[in-house]
């Protein structure tokens, strides 16, 4: 939560969990992502503070903040905020909260947050709707488990990698696969160049079962199509995580 401190980049948060079944015009495509590397022994304290912070936002009806929280299996807590452009990073998103709650009280809370981790980082990622596969009728609603696949590649492979990812989507569409996935690309502040494929499910088992069903429908054709991606990849990571509605904050949107 260091990003919320005065003097730090005042971003905020909310996830790769956004449901892009909305129209492309309504859906954000750029996200500011902040990660706290929380010490395992401090996780209970960190979650207590996170819930306290959310509750304060609810009680004071804070409108300038909006986030979804993701907890990763290795102790990372990830926050993402949809942004329109890089200029939004210069805004003080904490101004409303400081006025309503008090700067001293907010700073004291962040001092307590500081005790829970030794490092954090912030980066920008971009949703790639043209490479994401969202079949009609598919939704990530009520699917709070996430399986993230990070496909790193060297700059020289950029064009070929994008084409290969596009062919995977074409294959899923041709085979009538019912489960969707979202694709994000690394941006400013990222450690390396990568595509991230986000798969949603009610549980880890549900995602695994869906993957087995997809393999049967895709058949042997999938091996050659996936190989076109794999051969261009220099590094691969898979991460299991969970969307945390209990630690997320979505203020009500006033209708005009």
Protein backbone atom coordinates (compact mmCIF):
# COMPACT_ATOMS: atom_id res chain seq x y z
CA UNK A 1 0.00 0.00 0.00
CA UNK A 2 3.05 2.28 -0.19
CA UNK A 3 1.64 3.75 -3.38
CA UNK A 4 -0.99 5.51 -1.34
CA UNK A 5 1.57 7.46 0.66
CA UNK A 6 2.06 11.10 0.03
CA UNK A 7 5.25 11.55 -1.96
CA UNK A 8 4.96 8.15 -3.65
CA UNK A 9 3.20 7.57 -6.96
CA UNK A 10 -0.41 7.94 -5.91
CA UNK A 11 -1.95 5.19 -7.96
CA UNK A 12 -4.47 2.68 -6.88
CA UNK A 13 -5.58 -0.55 -7.75
CA UNK A 14 -7.81 -3.09 -9.30
CA UNK A 15 -7.22 -6.08 -11.31
CA UNK A 16 -6.84 -8.30 -14.10
CA UNK A 17 -10.26 -9.43 -13.02
CA UNK A 18 -12.12 -6.81 -14.98
CA UNK A 19 -14.85 -8.38 -17.05
CA UNK A 20 -14.14 -7.50 -20.67
CA UNK A 21 -17.44 -8.88 -21.77
CA UNK A 22 -18.46 -5.18 -21.69
CA UNK A 23 -18.10 -3.23 -24.91
CA UNK A 24 -14.59 -2.27 -25.93
CA UNK A 25 -15.51 1.43 -25.58
CA UNK A 26 -16.48 0.97 -21.93
CA UNK A 27 -13.59 -1.26 -20.91
CA UNK A 28 -10.26 0.26 -19.82
CA UNK A 29 -7.16 -1.01 -21.58
CA UNK A 30 -4.37 0.52 -19.45
CA UNK A 31 -3.77 -0.41 -15.82
CA UNK A 32 -1.44 0.80 -13.08
CA UNK A 33 -0.39 -2.27 -11.08
CA UNK A 34 1.18 -2.12 -7.63
CA UNK A 35 2.62 -5.12 -5.79
CA UNK A 36 3.49 -5.38 -2.08
CA UNK A 37 5.86 -8.25 -1.28
CA UNK A 38 4.42 -9.05 2.14
CA UNK A 39 6.40 -11.06 4.68
CA UNK A 40 4.60 -14.32 5.48
CA UNK A 41 4.54 -13.71 9.22
CA UNK A 42 2.97 -10.28 8.64
CA UNK A 43 0.13 -11.43 6.34
CA UNK A 44 -2.53 -11.44 9.13
CA UNK A 45 -1.54 -7.89 10.17
CA UNK A 46 -1.42 -6.73 6.55
CA UNK A 47 -4.89 -8.05 5.81
CA UNK A 48 -6.21 -6.45 9.00
CA UNK A 49 -4.84 -3.08 7.88
CA UNK A 50 -6.16 -3.57 4.34
CA UNK A 51 -9.66 -4.24 5.64
CA UNK A 52 -9.42 -1.22 7.94
CA UNK A 53 -8.41 0.98 5.01
CA UNK A 54 -11.30 -0.31 2.90
CA UNK A 55 -13.76 0.26 5.75
CA UNK A 56 -12.60 3.87 6.13
CA UNK A 57 -13.22 4.42 2.42
CA UNK A 58 -16.73 3.01 2.76
CA UNK A 59 -17.57 5.00 5.89
CA UNK A 60 -16.39 8.28 4.35
CA UNK A 61 -17.81 7.48 0.89
CA UNK A 62 -14.50 8.07 -0.88
CA UNK A 63 -15.08 8.49 -4.61
CA UNK A 64 -11.54 9.05 -5.89
CA UNK A 65 -10.29 5.55 -5.03
CA UNK A 66 -11.30 2.30 -6.68
CA UNK A 67 -9.51 -1.03 -6.47
CA UNK A 68 -9.62 -4.81 -6.53
CA UNK A 69 -7.13 -6.80 -4.52
CA UNK A 70 -5.37 -9.98 -5.66
CA UNK A 71 -3.51 -12.22 -3.22
CA UNK A 72 -0.81 -14.43 -4.73
CA UNK A 73 0.30 -17.76 -3.32
CA UNK A 74 3.83 -16.50 -2.56
CA UNK A 75 2.73 -13.62 -0.31
CA UNK A 76 2.37 -10.90 -2.91
CA UNK A 77 -0.65 -8.60 -2.77
CA UNK A 78 -1.39 -7.03 -6.14
CA UNK A 79 -3.50 -3.94 -6.75
CA UNK A 80 -4.52 -2.56 -10.16
CA UNK A 81 -6.17 0.71 -11.14
CA UNK A 82 -7.57 1.33 -14.61
CA UNK A 83 -6.12 4.57 -16.00
CA UNK A 84 -6.77 6.57 -19.15
CA UNK A 85 -3.20 7.75 -19.68
CA UNK A 86 0.17 8.17 -17.99
CA UNK A 87 -0.74 11.69 -16.85
CA UNK A 88 -3.07 10.16 -14.25
CA UNK A 89 -0.01 8.93 -12.36
CA UNK A 90 0.75 12.50 -11.38
CA UNK A 91 -2.60 13.01 -9.64
CA UNK A 92 -2.89 12.92 -5.86
CA UNK A 93 -5.57 10.26 -5.52
CA UNK A 94 -5.34 10.56 -1.74
CA UNK A 95 -6.43 14.20 -1.56
CA UNK A 96 -10.10 13.43 -0.88
CA UNK A 97 -9.24 10.91 1.82
CA UNK A 98 -6.74 13.23 3.52
CA UNK A 99 -9.39 15.97 3.72
CA UNK A 100 -12.13 13.71 5.09
CA UNK A 101 -10.08 11.51 7.44
CA UNK A 102 -7.01 13.58 8.20
CA UNK A 103 -3.47 13.41 6.88
CA UNK A 104 -1.96 12.39 10.23
CA UNK A 105 -4.31 9.41 10.60
CA UNK A 106 -3.61 8.26 7.05
CA UNK A 107 0.17 8.57 7.47
CA UNK A 108 0.02 6.57 10.72
CA UNK A 109 -1.79 3.76 8.94
CA UNK A 110 0.82 3.66 6.17
CA UNK A 111 3.58 3.55 8.77
CA UNK A 112 1.97 0.34 10.02
CA UNK A 113 1.75 -0.97 6.47
CA UNK A 114 5.51 -0.37 6.08
CA UNK A 115 6.21 -2.94 8.79
CA UNK A 116 4.56 -5.69 6.74
CA UNK A 117 6.91 -5.74 3.73
CA UNK A 118 10.46 -4.90 2.72
CA UNK A 119 9.85 -4.13 -0.95
CA UNK A 120 7.20 -3.17 -3.47
CA UNK A 121 6.99 -2.24 -7.15
CA UNK A 122 4.69 -0.52 -9.61
CA UNK A 123 4.23 -1.03 -13.35
CA UNK A 124 1.84 -0.39 -16.22
CA UNK A 125 0.15 -3.19 -18.19
CA UNK A 126 -2.13 -3.09 -21.22
CA UNK A 127 -5.17 -5.23 -21.95
CA UNK A 128 -4.96 -6.67 -25.46
CA UNK A 129 -8.58 -7.24 -26.45
CA UNK A 130 -7.58 -8.28 -29.98
CA UNK A 131 -5.65 -11.24 -28.54
CA UNK A 132 -8.05 -12.08 -25.70
CA UNK A 133 -10.68 -14.77 -26.23
CA UNK A 134 -14.08 -14.04 -24.73
CA UNK A 135 -16.78 -16.21 -26.34
CA UNK A 136 -20.38 -15.01 -26.27
CA UNK A 137 -22.03 -15.77 -22.96
CA UNK A 138 -18.76 -16.23 -21.06
CA UNK A 139 -18.18 -14.17 -17.91
CA UNK A 140 -15.60 -14.10 -15.12
CA UNK A 141 -18.31 -13.22 -12.58
CA UNK A 142 -18.12 -15.41 -9.46
CA UNK A 143 -14.84 -16.88 -10.76
CA UNK A 144 -12.33 -15.52 -8.26
CA UNK A 145 -9.45 -17.95 -8.71
CA UNK A 146 -6.83 -16.93 -11.27
CA UNK A 147 -4.16 -18.76 -13.19
CA UNK A 148 -1.66 -16.34 -14.75
CA UNK A 149 0.73 -17.44 -17.49
CA UNK A 150 3.67 -15.10 -18.19
CA UNK A 151 5.31 -15.52 -21.60
CA UNK A 152 8.53 -13.48 -21.83
CA UNK A 153 10.20 -12.91 -25.18
CA UNK A 154 13.08 -10.86 -26.67
CA UNK A 155 12.29 -7.66 -28.63
CA UNK A 156 13.31 -9.27 -31.93
CA UNK A 157 10.38 -11.71 -31.59
CA UNK A 158 7.70 -9.05 -30.99
CA UNK A 159 5.95 -9.25 -34.38
CA UNK A 160 6.08 -13.04 -34.60
CA UNK A 161 4.90 -13.41 -30.99
CA UNK A 162 1.85 -11.25 -31.56
CA UNK A 163 0.97 -13.22 -34.69
CA UNK A 164 1.39 -16.53 -32.86
CA UNK A 165 -0.85 -15.36 -30.00
CA UNK A 166 -3.44 -14.33 -32.56
CA UNK A 167 -3.41 -17.80 -34.11
CA UNK A 168 -4.13 -19.34 -30.69
CA UNK A 169 -7.22 -17.16 -30.40
CA UNK A 170 -8.30 -18.11 -33.93
CA UNK A 171 -7.98 -21.80 -33.05
CA UNK A 172 -10.05 -21.42 -29.86
CA UNK A 173 -12.74 -19.60 -31.83
CA UNK A 174 -12.77 -22.18 -34.64
CA UNK A 175 -13.09 -25.05 -32.17
CA UNK A 176 -15.89 -23.34 -30.24
CA UNK A 177 -14.11 -23.35 -26.89
CA UNK A 178 -16.49 -22.16 -24.16
CA UNK A 179 -13.91 -20.90 -21.62
CA UNK A 180 -12.35 -17.50 -22.24
CA UNK A 181 -9.04 -15.90 -21.34
CA UNK A 182 -7.64 -12.39 -21.16
CA UNK A 183 -4.29 -11.30 -22.57
CA UNK A 184 -2.23 -8.42 -21.15
CA UNK A 185 1.07 -6.97 -22.34
CA UNK A 186 3.86 -5.50 -20.25
CA UNK A 187 4.38 -1.75 -20.21
CA UNK A 188 6.30 0.98 -18.42
CA UNK A 189 8.15 -0.28 -15.33
CA UNK A 190 7.77 -3.96 -16.20
CA UNK A 191 10.63 -6.39 -15.58
CA UNK A 192 11.05 -7.68 -19.11
CA UNK A 193 8.74 -7.89 -22.12
CA UNK A 194 5.88 -10.34 -21.82
CA UNK A 195 2.34 -11.36 -22.56
CA UNK A 196 0.29 -12.47 -19.58
CA UNK A 197 -2.63 -14.84 -20.13
CA UNK A 198 -5.21 -14.71 -17.32
CA UNK A 199 -7.56 -17.68 -16.86
CA UNK A 200 -10.47 -17.42 -14.41
CA UNK A 201 -12.27 -20.18 -12.53
CA UNK A 202 -14.26 -20.88 -9.39
CA UNK A 203 -11.26 -22.85 -8.07
CA UNK A 204 -7.90 -24.24 -9.11
CA UNK A 205 -9.58 -27.58 -9.79
CA UNK A 206 -12.25 -25.95 -11.96
CA UNK A 207 -9.56 -24.33 -14.12
CA UNK A 208 -7.71 -27.65 -14.44
CA UNK A 209 -10.90 -29.46 -15.45
CA UNK A 210 -11.70 -26.76 -17.99
CA UNK A 211 -8.20 -27.12 -19.42
CA UNK A 212 -8.66 -30.87 -19.87
CA UNK A 213 -11.97 -30.33 -21.67
CA UNK A 214 -10.36 -27.73 -23.93
CA UNK A 215 -7.52 -30.10 -24.83
CA UNK A 216 -10.01 -32.69 -26.04
CA UNK A 217 -11.83 -30.17 -28.23
CA UNK A 218 -8.62 -28.67 -29.61
CA UNK A 219 -7.21 -32.06 -30.52
CA UNK A 220 -3.75 -32.67 -31.98
CA UNK A 221 -3.91 -29.39 -33.91
CA UNK A 222 -3.16 -27.49 -30.71
CA UNK A 223 0.40 -28.84 -30.46
CA UNK A 224 1.61 -27.08 -33.60
CA UNK A 225 -0.23 -23.84 -32.79
CA UNK A 226 1.06 -23.68 -29.21
CA UNK A 227 4.58 -24.53 -30.40
CA UNK A 228 4.64 -21.36 -32.49
CA UNK A 229 4.29 -19.43 -29.20
CA UNK A 230 6.59 -21.62 -27.13
CA UNK A 231 9.52 -21.45 -29.55
CA UNK A 232 9.50 -17.64 -29.35
CA UNK A 233 9.38 -17.57 -25.54
CA UNK A 234 12.59 -16.99 -23.58
CA UNK A 235 11.08 -17.44 -20.10
CA UNK A 236 7.81 -18.80 -18.69
CA UNK A 237 6.16 -18.35 -15.29
CA UNK A 238 2.82 -19.61 -13.96
CA UNK A 239 1.23 -17.98 -10.93
CA UNK A 240 -1.82 -19.03 -8.90
CA UNK A 241 -3.79 -16.25 -7.21
CA UNK A 242 -7.20 -15.22 -5.90
CA UNK A 243 -9.33 -12.14 -6.39
CA UNK A 244 -10.19 -10.75 -2.94
CA UNK A 245 -13.59 -8.99 -2.95
CA UNK A 246 -13.32 -8.70 0.85
CA UNK A 247 -10.27 -6.44 0.48
CA UNK A 248 -11.41 -4.63 -2.67
CA UNK A 249 -13.27 -1.32 -2.92
CA UNK A 250 -15.73 -0.37 -5.62
CA UNK A 251 -17.60 2.84 -4.75
CA UNK A 252 -21.11 3.17 -6.12
CA UNK A 253 -21.22 4.99 -9.44
CA UNK A 254 -23.67 7.86 -9.48
CA UNK A 255 -25.95 7.90 -12.49
CA UNK A 256 -26.04 11.12 -14.46
